[in-house]
PDB file of N, CA and C in Angstrom:
ATOM      1  N   UNK A   1       6.011  75.003  40.720  1.00  0.00           N
ATOM      2  CA  UNK A   1       7.346  75.483  40.753  1.00  0.00           C
ATOM      3  C   UNK A   1       8.251  73.964  41.747  1.00  0.00           C
ATOM      4  N   UNK A   2       6.715  73.910  42.529  1.00  0.00           N
ATOM      5  CA  UNK A   2       6.883  72.994  44.075  1.00  0.00           C
ATOM      6  C   UNK A   2       7.900  71.739  43.086  1.00  0.00           C
ATOM      7  N   UNK A   3       7.305  71.484  41.487  1.00  0.00           N
ATOM      8  CA  UNK A   3       8.346  70.262  40.878  1.00  0.00           C
ATOM      9  C   UNK A   3       9.715  70.334  41.080  1.00  0.00           C
ATOM     10  N   UNK A   4      10.118  71.605  40.823  1.00  0.00           N
ATOM     11  CA  UNK A   4      11.881  72.328  40.309  1.00  0.00           C
ATOM     12  C   UNK A   4      11.876  71.799  42.311  1.00  0.00           C
ATOM     13  N   UNK A   5      11.288  71.993  42.989  1.00  0.00           N
ATOM     14  CA  UNK A   5      11.431  72.682  44.047  1.00  0.00           C
ATOM     15  C   UNK A   5      12.217  70.840  45.225  1.00  0.00           C
ATOM     16  N   UNK A   6      11.343  70.161  44.501  1.00  0.00           N
ATOM     17  CA  UNK A   6      11.645  68.938  44.875  1.00  0.00           C
ATOM     18  C   UNK A   6      12.910  68.568  44.189  1.00  0.00           C
ATOM     19  N   UNK A   7      13.157  68.152  42.678  1.00  0.00           N
ATOM     20  CA  UNK A   7      14.455  68.178  41.867  1.00  0.00           C
ATOM     21  C   UNK A   7      15.243  68.614  42.621  1.00  0.00           C
ATOM     22  N   UNK A   8      15.798  70.229  43.001  1.00  0.00           N
ATOM     23  CA  UNK A   8      16.393  70.841  43.736  1.00  0.00           C
ATOM     24  C   UNK A   8      17.260  69.914  45.147  1.00  0.00           C
ATOM     25  N   UNK A   9      15.778  70.129  45.777  1.00  0.00           N
ATOM     26  CA  UNK A   9      15.950  68.389  46.970  1.00  0.00           C
ATOM     27  C   UNK A   9      17.071  67.685  46.810  1.00  0.00           C
ATOM     28  N   UNK A  10      16.432  67.236  45.405  1.00  0.00           N
ATOM     29  CA  UNK A  10      16.584  65.904  45.743  1.00  0.00           C
ATOM     30  C   UNK A  10      18.530  65.710  45.007  1.00  0.00           C
ATOM     31  N   UNK A  11      18.943  66.642  44.399  1.00  0.00           N
ATOM     32  CA  UNK A  11      20.035  66.552  43.917  1.00  0.00           C
ATOM     33  C   UNK A  11      20.920  67.191  45.677  1.00  0.00           C
ATOM     34  N   UNK A  12      20.681  67.378  45.703  1.00  0.00           N
ATOM     35  CA  UNK A  12      21.105  68.527  47.373  1.00  0.00           C
ATOM     36  C   UNK A  12      21.297  67.086  48.512  1.00  0.00           C
ATOM     37  N   UNK A  13      19.750  66.195  47.908  1.00  0.00           N
ATOM     38  CA  UNK A  13      20.620  64.844  49.343  1.00  0.00           C
ATOM     39  C   UNK A  13      21.756  63.793  48.568  1.00  0.00           C
ATOM     40  N   UNK A  14      21.318  63.767  46.978  1.00  0.00           N
ATOM     41  CA  UNK A  14      22.189  63.159  47.121  1.00  0.00           C
ATOM     42  C   UNK A  14      23.839  63.771  46.285  1.00  0.00           C
ATOM     43  N   UNK A  15      24.024  64.786  46.125  1.00  0.00           N
ATOM     44  CA  UNK A  15      25.078  65.915  46.629  1.00  0.00           C
ATOM     45  C   UNK A  15      25.644  64.811  47.955  1.00  0.00           C
ATOM     46  N   UNK A  16      24.724  65.135  48.856  1.00  0.00           N
ATOM     47  CA  UNK A  16      25.112  65.311  50.821  1.00  0.00           C
ATOM     48  C   UNK A  16      25.064  63.822  50.939  1.00  0.00           C
ATOM     49  N   UNK A  17      25.048  62.797  50.866  1.00  0.00           N
ATOM     50  CA  UNK A  17      25.356  60.965  50.828  1.00  0.00           C
ATOM     51  C   UNK A  17      26.628  61.205  50.109  1.00  0.00           C
ATOM     52  N   UNK A  18      26.631  61.309  48.934  1.00  0.00           N
ATOM     53  CA  UNK A  18      28.180  61.570  48.151  1.00  0.00           C
ATOM     54  C   UNK A  18      29.304  62.301  48.823  1.00  0.00           C
ATOM     55  N   UNK A  19      28.832  63.863  49.924  1.00  0.00           N
ATOM     56  CA  UNK A  19      29.758  64.558  50.415  1.00  0.00           C
ATOM     57  C   UNK A  19      29.808  63.140  52.311  1.00  0.00           C
ATOM     58  N   UNK A  20      28.932  63.033  52.456  1.00  0.00           N
ATOM     59  CA  UNK A  20      29.167  61.869  53.914  1.00  0.00           C
ATOM     60  C   UNK A  20      29.776  60.765  53.469  1.00  0.00           C
ATOM     61  N   UNK A  21      29.335  60.180  52.476  1.00  0.00           N
ATOM     62  CA  UNK A  21      30.043  58.780  52.177  1.00  0.00           C
ATOM     63  C   UNK A  21      31.242  58.401  50.926  1.00  0.00           C
ATOM     64  N   UNK A  22      32.076  59.495  50.972  1.00  0.00           N
ATOM     65  CA  UNK A  22      33.207  60.026  49.840  1.00  0.00           C
ATOM     66  C   UNK A  22      33.872  58.616  49.624  1.00  0.00           C
ATOM     67  N   UNK A  23      34.430  58.633  50.742  1.00  0.00           N
ATOM     68  CA  UNK A  23      35.812  57.785  50.936  1.00  0.00           C
ATOM     69  C   UNK A  23      35.068  56.633  50.961  1.00  0.00           C
ATOM     70  N   UNK A  24      33.993  56.118  51.719  1.00  0.00           N
ATOM     71  CA  UNK A  24      33.335  54.616  51.743  1.00  0.00           C
ATOM     72  C   UNK A  24      33.280  54.150  50.271  1.00  0.00           C
ATOM     73  N   UNK A  25      32.582  54.647  49.074  1.00  0.00           N
ATOM     74  CA  UNK A  25      32.236  55.044  47.708  1.00  0.00           C
ATOM     75  C   UNK A  25      31.536  53.242  47.737  1.00  0.00           C
ATOM     76  N   UNK A  26      30.281  53.224  48.041  1.00  0.00           N
ATOM     77  CA  UNK A  26      29.639  51.575  47.832  1.00  0.00           C
ATOM     78  C   UNK A  26      29.086  52.130  47.215  1.00  0.00           C
ATOM     79  N   UNK A  27      29.798  51.796  45.726  1.00  0.00           N
ATOM     80  CA  UNK A  27      29.852  51.571  44.196  1.00  0.00           C
ATOM     81  C   UNK A  27      27.746  51.946  44.026  1.00  0.00           C
ATOM     82  N   UNK A  28      27.090  50.581  44.159  1.00  0.00           N
ATOM     83  CA  UNK A  28      26.170  50.641  43.319  1.00  0.00           C
ATOM     84  C   UNK A  28      24.695  52.372  43.638  1.00  0.00           C
ATOM     85  N   UNK A  29      24.893  52.591  45.257  1.00  0.00           N
ATOM     86  CA  UNK A  29      24.792  53.670  46.109  1.00  0.00           C
ATOM     87  C   UNK A  29      25.314  54.692  45.750  1.00  0.00           C
ATOM     88  N   UNK A  30      26.515  54.826  45.734  1.00  0.00           N
ATOM     89  CA  UNK A  30      27.119  56.782  45.095  1.00  0.00           C
ATOM     90  C   UNK A  30      26.523  56.264  43.367  1.00  0.00           C
ATOM     91  N   UNK A  31      26.578  54.966  42.664  1.00  0.00           N
ATOM     92  CA  UNK A  31      25.914  55.359  40.748  1.00  0.00           C
ATOM     93  C   UNK A  31      24.909  55.987  41.161  1.00  0.00           C
ATOM     94  N   UNK A  32      23.984  55.699  42.123  1.00  0.00           N
ATOM     95  CA  UNK A  32      22.391  55.781  41.964  1.00  0.00           C
ATOM     96  C   UNK A  32      22.405  57.476  42.349  1.00  0.00           C
ATOM     97  N   UNK A  33      23.016  57.689  43.390  1.00  0.00           N
ATOM     98  CA  UNK A  33      23.538  59.133  43.420  1.00  0.00           C
ATOM     99  C   UNK A  33      23.748  59.782  42.595  1.00  0.00           C
ATOM    100  N   UNK A  34      25.060  59.805  42.549  1.00  0.00           N
ATOM    101  CA  UNK A  34      25.550  60.583  40.892  1.00  0.00           C
ATOM    102  C   UNK A  34      24.733  60.753  39.429  1.00  0.00           C
ATOM    103  N   UNK A  35      24.018  59.231  39.477  1.00  0.00           N
ATOM    104  CA  UNK A  35      23.045  59.581  38.447  1.00  0.00           C
ATOM    105  C   UNK A  35      21.527  59.983  38.451  1.00  0.00           C
ATOM    106  N   UNK A  36      21.157  60.436  39.804  1.00  0.00           N
ATOM    107  CA  UNK A  36      20.611  61.571  39.946  1.00  0.00           C
ATOM    108  C   UNK A  36      20.810  62.801  39.620  1.00  0.00           C
ATOM    109  N   UNK A  37      21.535  62.891  40.400  1.00  0.00           N
ATOM    110  CA  UNK A  37      22.069  64.413  40.166  1.00  0.00           C
ATOM    111  C   UNK A  37      22.713  64.558  38.279  1.00  0.00           C
ATOM    112  N   UNK A  38      23.087  63.624  37.703  1.00  0.00           N
ATOM    113  CA  UNK A  38      23.163  64.016  36.624  1.00  0.00           C
ATOM    114  C   UNK A  38      22.073  64.458  35.644  1.00  0.00           C
ATOM    115  N   UNK A  39      20.699  63.327  35.998  1.00  0.00           N
ATOM    116  CA  UNK A  39      19.441  63.465  35.540  1.00  0.00           C
ATOM    117  C   UNK A  39      18.931  64.735  35.873  1.00  0.00           C
ATOM    118  N   UNK A  40      18.885  65.127  37.309  1.00  0.00           N
ATOM    119  CA  UNK A  40      18.518  66.684  37.985  1.00  0.00           C
ATOM    120  C   UNK A  40      18.570  68.180  37.059  1.00  0.00           C
ATOM    121  N   UNK A  41      20.475  67.872  36.697  1.00  0.00           N
ATOM    122  CA  UNK A  41      20.662  69.019  35.410  1.00  0.00           C
ATOM    123  C   UNK A  41      20.804  68.814  34.742  1.00  0.00           C
ATOM    124  N   UNK A  42      20.995  68.051  34.191  1.00  0.00           N
ATOM    125  CA  UNK A  42      20.201  67.428  32.550  1.00  0.00           C
ATOM    126  C   UNK A  42      18.666  68.224  32.583  1.00  0.00           C
ATOM    127  N   UNK A  43      17.723  67.660  33.124  1.00  0.00           N
ATOM    128  CA  UNK A  43      16.665  68.023  32.954  1.00  0.00           C
ATOM    129  C   UNK A  43      16.191  69.461  33.176  1.00  0.00           C
ATOM    130  N   UNK A  44      17.197  70.209  33.870  1.00  0.00           N
ATOM    131  CA  UNK A  44      17.046  71.347  34.692  1.00  0.00           C
ATOM    132  C   UNK A  44      17.482  72.468  32.830  1.00  0.00           C
ATOM    133  N   UNK A  45      18.829  71.656  32.443  1.00  0.00           N
ATOM    134  CA  UNK A  45      19.617  72.217  31.916  1.00  0.00           C
ATOM    135  C   UNK A  45      18.222  72.676  30.224  1.00  0.00           C
ATOM    136  N   UNK A  46      17.377  71.463  30.643  1.00  0.00           N
ATOM    137  CA  UNK A  46      16.882  71.369  28.463  1.00  0.00           C
ATOM    138  C   UNK A  46      15.445  71.877  29.146  1.00  0.00           C
ATOM    139  N   UNK A  47      15.312  72.619  29.805  1.00  0.00           N
ATOM    140  CA  UNK A  47      14.662  72.965  30.411  1.00  0.00           C
ATOM    141  C   UNK A  47      14.573  74.858  30.905  1.00  0.00           C
ATOM    142  N   UNK A  48      15.672  75.214  30.462  1.00  0.00           N
ATOM    143  CA  UNK A  48      16.226  76.903  30.966  1.00  0.00           C
ATOM    144  C   UNK A  48      16.174  76.623  32.235  1.00  0.00           C
ATOM    145  N   UNK A  49      16.508  76.222  33.155  1.00  0.00           N
ATOM    146  CA  UNK A  49      16.233  76.244  34.675  1.00  0.00           C
ATOM    147  C   UNK A  49      17.540  76.203  35.289  1.00  0.00           C
ATOM    148  N   UNK A  50      18.460  75.888  34.164  1.00  0.00           N
ATOM    149  CA  UNK A  50      19.735  75.319  35.128  1.00  0.00           C
ATOM    150  C   UNK A  50      20.405  76.792  36.235  1.00  0.00           C
ATOM    151  N   UNK A  51      19.393  77.824  36.433  1.00  0.00           N
ATOM    152  CA  UNK A  51      19.931  78.955  37.529  1.00  0.00           C
ATOM    153  C   UNK A  51      19.733  78.511  38.146  1.00  0.00           C
ATOM    154  N   UNK A  52      18.411  77.436  38.477  1.00  0.00           N
ATOM    155  CA  UNK A  52      18.158  77.277  40.224  1.00  0.00           C
ATOM    156  C   UNK A  52      19.477  76.536  41.052  1.00  0.00           C
ATOM    157  N   UNK A  53      19.860  76.310  40.416  1.00  0.00           N
ATOM    158  CA  UNK A  53      21.427  75.726  40.973  1.00  0.00           C
ATOM    159  C   UNK A  53      22.023  76.398  41.104  1.00  0.00           C
ATOM    160  N   UNK A  54      21.892  77.470  40.993  1.00  0.00           N
ATOM    161  CA  UNK A  54      22.566  78.947  41.602  1.00  0.00           C
ATOM    162  C   UNK A  54      22.822  78.707  43.109  1.00  0.00           C
ATOM    163  N   UNK A  55      21.844  79.282  43.864  1.00  0.00           N
ATOM    164  CA  UNK A  55      21.635  79.594  45.017  1.00  0.00           C
ATOM    165  C   UNK A  55      22.839  78.296  45.900  1.00  0.00           C
ATOM    166  N   UNK A  56      22.899  76.902  45.128  1.00  0.00           N
ATOM    167  CA  UNK A  56      23.660  75.767  45.902  1.00  0.00           C
ATOM    168  C   UNK A  56      25.160  76.057  45.794  1.00  0.00           C
ATOM    169  N   UNK A  57      25.625  77.543  45.042  1.00  0.00           N
ATOM    170  CA  UNK A  57      27.276  77.510  45.073  1.00  0.00           C
ATOM    171  C   UNK A  57      27.236  78.177  46.727  1.00  0.00           C
ATOM    172  N   UNK A  58      26.107  78.781  47.463  1.00  0.00           N
ATOM    173  CA  UNK A  58      26.186  79.023  48.964  1.00  0.00           C
ATOM    174  C   UNK A  58      26.382  77.842  50.190  1.00  0.00           C
ATOM    175  N   UNK A  59      26.028  76.597  49.556  1.00  0.00           N
ATOM    176  CA  UNK A  59      25.535  75.254  49.937  1.00  0.00           C
ATOM    177  C   UNK A  59      26.488  75.000  51.335  1.00  0.00           C
ATOM    178  N   UNK A  60      26.336  75.473  52.803  1.00  0.00           N
ATOM    179  CA  UNK A  60      27.248  74.306  53.643  1.00  0.00           C
ATOM    180  C   UNK A  60      27.977  73.234  53.207  1.00  0.00           C
ATOM    181  N   UNK A  61      27.684  72.992  52.537  1.00  0.00           N
ATOM    182  CA  UNK A  61      27.943  70.793  52.827  1.00  0.00           C
ATOM    183  C   UNK A  61      28.969  71.394  51.398  1.00  0.00           C
ATOM    184  N   UNK A  62      29.939  70.882  51.111  1.00  0.00           N
ATOM    185  CA  UNK A  62      31.168  71.122  50.387  1.00  0.00           C
ATOM    186  C   UNK A  62      30.785  70.951  49.249  1.00  0.00           C
ATOM    187  N   UNK A  63      30.814  69.312  49.068  1.00  0.00           N
ATOM    188  CA  UNK A  63      29.544  68.525  47.530  1.00  0.00           C
ATOM    189  C   UNK A  63      28.428  68.655  46.911  1.00  0.00           C
ATOM    190  N   UNK A  64      27.358  69.830  47.434  1.00  0.00           N
ATOM    191  CA  UNK A  64      26.912  70.548  46.954  1.00  0.00           C
ATOM    192  C   UNK A  64      27.372  71.178  46.379  1.00  0.00           C
ATOM    193  N   UNK A  65      27.925  72.020  46.808  1.00  0.00           N
ATOM    194  CA  UNK A  65      28.727  73.062  46.127  1.00  0.00           C
ATOM    195  C   UNK A  65      29.568  73.317  45.408  1.00  0.00           C
ATOM    196  N   UNK A  66      30.179  72.010  44.989  1.00  0.00           N
ATOM    197  CA  UNK A  66      31.422  71.373  44.343  1.00  0.00           C
ATOM    198  C   UNK A  66      30.571  70.934  43.027  1.00  0.00           C
ATOM    199  N   UNK A  67      29.628  70.221  43.247  1.00  0.00           N
ATOM    200  CA  UNK A  67      28.276  69.894  42.227  1.00  0.00           C
ATOM    201  C   UNK A  67      28.165  70.988  41.466  1.00  0.00           C
ATOM    202  N   UNK A  68      27.034  71.851  42.662  1.00  0.00           N
ATOM    203  CA  UNK A  68      26.490  72.583  41.360  1.00  0.00           C
ATOM    204  C   UNK A  68      27.284  73.802  40.700  1.00  0.00           C
ATOM    205  N   UNK A  69      28.947  73.525  41.220  1.00  0.00           N
ATOM    206  CA  UNK A  69      29.784  74.589  40.768  1.00  0.00           C
ATOM    207  C   UNK A  69      30.371  73.876  39.098  1.00  0.00           C
ATOM    208  N   UNK A  70      30.003  72.662  38.945  1.00  0.00           N
ATOM    209  CA  UNK A  70      30.396  72.057  37.664  1.00  0.00           C
ATOM    210  C   UNK A  70      29.427  72.125  37.067  1.00  0.00           C
ATOM    211  N   UNK A  71      27.834  71.765  37.381  1.00  0.00           N
ATOM    212  CA  UNK A  71      26.843  72.118  36.801  1.00  0.00           C
ATOM    213  C   UNK A  71      26.727  73.769  36.141  1.00  0.00           C
ATOM    214  N   UNK A  72      27.139  74.346  36.579  1.00  0.00           N
ATOM    215  CA  UNK A  72      27.175  75.755  36.234  1.00  0.00           C
ATOM    216  C   UNK A  72      28.300  76.322  35.465  1.00  0.00           C
ATOM    217  N   UNK A  73      29.625  75.717  35.974  1.00  0.00           N
ATOM    218  CA  UNK A  73      30.427  76.236  35.341  1.00  0.00           C
ATOM    219  C   UNK A  73      30.475  76.775  33.968  1.00  0.00           C
ATOM    220  N   UNK A  74      29.625  76.788  32.988  1.00  0.00           N
ATOM    221  CA  UNK A  74      29.215  77.552  31.759  1.00  0.00           C
ATOM    222  C   UNK A  74      28.823  78.533  31.721  1.00  0.00           C
ATOM    223  N   UNK A  75      27.999  78.835  32.853  1.00  0.00           N
ATOM    224  CA  UNK A  75      26.629  79.792  32.787  1.00  0.00           C
ATOM    225  C   UNK A  75      27.527  80.939  34.023  1.00  0.00           C
ATOM    226  N   UNK A  76      27.740  80.381  34.763  1.00  0.00           N
ATOM    227  CA  UNK A  76      28.653  81.277  35.683  1.00  0.00           C
ATOM    228  C   UNK A  76      30.312  80.825  35.942  1.00  0.00           C
ATOM    229  N   UNK A  77      30.786  81.206  35.735  1.00  0.00           N
ATOM    230  CA  UNK A  77      31.963  80.844  35.109  1.00  0.00           C
ATOM    231  C   UNK A  77      33.063  81.352  36.643  1.00  0.00           C
ATOM    232  N   UNK A  78      32.952  82.359  36.532  1.00  0.00           N
ATOM    233  CA  UNK A  78      33.725  83.073  37.996  1.00  0.00           C
ATOM    234  C   UNK A  78      33.204  82.407  38.988  1.00  0.00           C
ATOM    235  N   UNK A  79      31.830  82.694  39.536  1.00  0.00           N
ATOM    236  CA  UNK A  79      31.461  82.064  40.820  1.00  0.00           C
ATOM    237  C   UNK A  79      31.957  80.531  40.742  1.00  0.00           C
ATOM    238  N   UNK A  80      31.503  80.026  39.953  1.00  0.00           N
ATOM    239  CA  UNK A  80      31.983  78.498  40.005  1.00  0.00           C
ATOM    240  C   UNK A  80      32.802  78.134  40.263  1.00  0.00           C
ATOM    241  N   UNK A  81      34.070  79.222  39.462  1.00  0.00           N
ATOM    242  CA  UNK A  81      35.780  79.025  39.904  1.00  0.00           C
ATOM    243  C   UNK A  81      36.255  79.139  41.495  1.00  0.00           C
ATOM    244  N   UNK A  82      35.263  79.775  41.667  1.00  0.00           N
ATOM    245  CA  UNK A  82      35.832  80.330  43.262  1.00  0.00           C
ATOM    246  C   UNK A  82      35.673  78.425  44.528  1.00  0.00           C
ATOM    247  N   UNK A  83      33.980  78.525  43.938  1.00  0.00           N
ATOM    248  CA  UNK A  83      34.015  77.213  44.168  1.00  0.00           C
ATOM    249  C   UNK A  83      35.127  76.237  43.963  1.00  0.00           C
ATOM    250  N   UNK A  84      35.255  75.813  42.965  1.00  0.00           N
ATOM    251  CA  UNK A  84      36.608  74.995  42.815  1.00  0.00           C
ATOM    252  C   UNK A  84      38.146  75.548  43.133  1.00  0.00           C
ATOM    253  N   UNK A  85      38.556  76.712  43.438  1.00  0.00           N
ATOM    254  CA  UNK A  85      39.786  76.681  44.226  1.00  0.00           C
ATOM    255  C   UNK A  85      39.490  76.601  45.739  1.00  0.00           C
ATOM    256  N   UNK A  86      37.690  76.936  46.228  1.00  0.00           N
ATOM    257  CA  UNK A  86      38.087  76.846  47.852  1.00  0.00           C
ATOM    258  C   UNK A  86      37.737  75.426  47.561  1.00  0.00           C
ATOM    259  N   UNK A  87      37.510  74.419  46.983  1.00  0.00           N
ATOM    260  CA  UNK A  87      37.661  73.286  47.360  1.00  0.00           C
ATOM    261  C   UNK A  87      38.598  72.684  46.990  1.00  0.00           C
ATOM    262  N   UNK A  88      39.610  73.195  46.043  1.00  0.00           N
ATOM    263  CA  UNK A  88      41.166  72.605  46.561  1.00  0.00           C
ATOM    264  C   UNK A  88      41.724  73.054  47.499  1.00  0.00           C
ATOM    265  N   UNK A  89      42.082  74.064  47.945  1.00  0.00           N
ATOM    266  CA  UNK A  89      42.461  75.182  48.613  1.00  0.00           C
ATOM    267  C   UNK A  89      42.478  74.038  50.170  1.00  0.00           C
ATOM    268  N   UNK A  90      41.015  73.282  50.092  1.00  0.00           N
ATOM    269  CA  UNK A  90      40.927  72.724  51.509  1.00  0.00           C
ATOM    270  C   UNK A  90      41.284  71.716  51.314  1.00  0.00           C
ATOM    271  N   UNK A  91      41.735  70.490  50.284  1.00  0.00           N
ATOM    272  CA  UNK A  91      42.932  69.266  50.218  1.00  0.00           C
ATOM    273  C   UNK A  91      41.388  68.296  50.631  1.00  0.00           C
ATOM    274  N   UNK A  92      40.718  68.213  50.166  1.00  0.00           N
ATOM    275  CA  UNK A  92      39.654  67.129  50.683  1.00  0.00           C
ATOM    276  C   UNK A  92      40.070  66.488  49.987  1.00  0.00           C
ATOM    277  N   UNK A  93      40.439  64.664  50.934  1.00  0.00           N
ATOM    278  CA  UNK A  93      40.229  63.923  49.370  1.00  0.00           C
ATOM    279  C   UNK A  93      39.640  63.148  48.499  1.00  0.00           C
ATOM    280  N   UNK A  94      40.079  62.958  47.176  1.00  0.00           N
ATOM    281  CA  UNK A  94      39.161  62.761  46.252  1.00  0.00           C
ATOM    282  C   UNK A  94      38.654  64.498  45.751  1.00  0.00           C
ATOM    283  N   UNK A  95      38.025  65.126  46.317  1.00  0.00           N
ATOM    284  CA  UNK A  95      37.377  66.177  45.555  1.00  0.00           C
ATOM    285  C   UNK A  95      38.304  67.131  45.542  1.00  0.00           C
ATOM    286  N   UNK A  96      39.184  67.611  46.294  1.00  0.00           N
ATOM    287  CA  UNK A  96      40.072  68.298  45.784  1.00  0.00           C
ATOM    288  C   UNK A  96      40.855  68.112  44.255  1.00  0.00           C
ATOM    289  N   UNK A  97      41.267  67.257  44.485  1.00  0.00           N
ATOM    290  CA  UNK A  97      41.961  66.371  43.189  1.00  0.00           C
ATOM    291  C   UNK A  97      41.378  66.951  42.248  1.00  0.00           C
ATOM    292  N   UNK A  98      39.613  66.679  41.961  1.00  0.00           N
ATOM    293  CA  UNK A  98      38.862  66.213  41.511  1.00  0.00           C
ATOM    294  C   UNK A  98      38.389  67.758  40.798  1.00  0.00           C
ATOM    295  N   UNK A  99      38.396  68.727  41.395  1.00  0.00           N
ATOM    296  CA  UNK A  99      38.226  69.482  41.208  1.00  0.00           C
ATOM    297  C   UNK A  99      39.588  70.307  40.713  1.00  0.00           C
ATOM    298  N   UNK A 100      40.452  70.035  40.564  1.00  0.00           N
ATOM    299  CA  UNK A 100      41.794  70.462  40.421  1.00  0.00           C
ATOM    300  C   UNK A 100      41.384  70.227  38.926  1.00  0.00           C
ATOM    301  N   UNK A 101      41.699  69.111  38.703  1.00  0.00           N
ATOM    302  CA  UNK A 101      41.379  68.472  37.317  1.00  0.00           C
ATOM    303  C   UNK A 101      40.210  68.741  36.556  1.00  0.00           C
ATOM    304  N   UNK A 102      39.460  69.353  37.159  1.00  0.00           N
ATOM    305  CA  UNK A 102      38.199  69.553  36.127  1.00  0.00           C
ATOM    306  C   UNK A 102      38.453  70.542  35.341  1.00  0.00           C
ATOM    307  N   UNK A 103      39.267  71.823  36.560  1.00  0.00           N
ATOM    308  CA  UNK A 103      39.271  72.494  36.344  1.00  0.00           C
ATOM    309  C   UNK A 103      40.457  72.893  35.553  1.00  0.00           C
ATOM    310  N   UNK A 104      41.209  72.211  34.784  1.00  0.00           N
ATOM    311  CA  UNK A 104      42.551  72.083  34.437  1.00  0.00           C
ATOM    312  C   UNK A 104      42.049  71.663  33.049  1.00  0.00           C
ATOM    313  N   UNK A 105      40.923  70.711  33.108  1.00  0.00           N
ATOM    314  CA  UNK A 105      40.174  70.324  31.799  1.00  0.00           C
ATOM    315  C   UNK A 105      39.453  71.601  31.099  1.00  0.00           C
ATOM    316  N   UNK A 106      38.558  72.060  31.941  1.00  0.00           N
ATOM    317  CA  UNK A 106      37.637  73.202  32.108  1.00  0.00           C
ATOM    318  C   UNK A 106      38.700  74.295  31.068  1.00  0.00           C
ATOM    319  N   UNK A 107      40.088  74.580  31.826  1.00  0.00           N
ATOM    320  CA  UNK A 107      40.575  75.834  30.923  1.00  0.00           C
ATOM    321  C   UNK A 107      41.218  75.659  29.541  1.00  0.00           C
ATOM    322  N   UNK A 108      41.866  74.081  29.097  1.00  0.00           N
ATOM    323  CA  UNK A 108      42.101  73.474  28.189  1.00  0.00           C
ATOM    324  C   UNK A 108      41.039  73.736  27.155  1.00  0.00           C
ATOM    325  N   UNK A 109      39.954  73.256  27.161  1.00  0.00           N
ATOM    326  CA  UNK A 109      38.459  73.291  26.654  1.00  0.00           C
ATOM    327  C   UNK A 109      38.759  74.374  26.524  1.00  0.00           C
ATOM    328  N   UNK A 110      38.629  75.518  27.242  1.00  0.00           N
ATOM    329  CA  UNK A 110      37.626  76.921  26.369  1.00  0.00           C
ATOM    330  C   UNK A 110      39.559  77.417  25.842  1.00  0.00           C
ATOM    331  N   UNK A 111      40.649  77.533  25.765  1.00  0.00           N
ATOM    332  CA  UNK A 111      41.774  77.762  25.364  1.00  0.00           C
ATOM    333  C   UNK A 111      41.469  76.538  23.422  1.00  0.00           C
ATOM    334  N   UNK A 112      41.247  76.118  23.209  1.00  0.00           N
ATOM    335  CA  UNK A 112      41.495  74.920  21.889  1.00  0.00           C
ATOM    336  C   UNK A 112      40.288  75.628  21.776  1.00  0.00           C
ATOM    337  N   UNK A 113      39.062  75.953  21.740  1.00  0.00           N
ATOM    338  CA  UNK A 113      37.794  76.327  21.593  1.00  0.00           C
ATOM    339  C   UNK A 113      38.681  78.226  20.779  1.00  0.00           C
ATOM    340  N   UNK A 114      39.245  78.935  21.491  1.00  0.00           N
ATOM    341  CA  UNK A 114      39.585  80.449  20.947  1.00  0.00           C
ATOM    342  C   UNK A 114      40.434  79.890  19.765  1.00  0.00           C
ATOM    343  N   UNK A 115      40.998  78.789  19.748  1.00  0.00           N
ATOM    344  CA  UNK A 115      41.720  78.841  18.658  1.00  0.00           C
ATOM    345  C   UNK A 115      41.610  78.590  17.663  1.00  0.00           C
TER     346      UNK A 115
END
């Protein structure tokens, strides 16, 4: 279980780095943190442990909540969408527009699956 805690802490650290450096976007470092978060989410998903990210929906750092919402949208749609709407409402440069677009794409995908 400690390994899972380490993974989640790594995910949080990467999300915080991106949050704190959102506008700077030092590409190499930013990409490293993005890839780290994706690897953690994939590992958790492949081991049916993605719900371990759920507490991050309440994290005080915007990008930690937003990233967790992205990774949990298919499992906890309503709770994840609340985070998206909060981020959109805050009008955070880049992050709010990314949330708006991601949510729009999610809704379009759901509608296509219904047809």
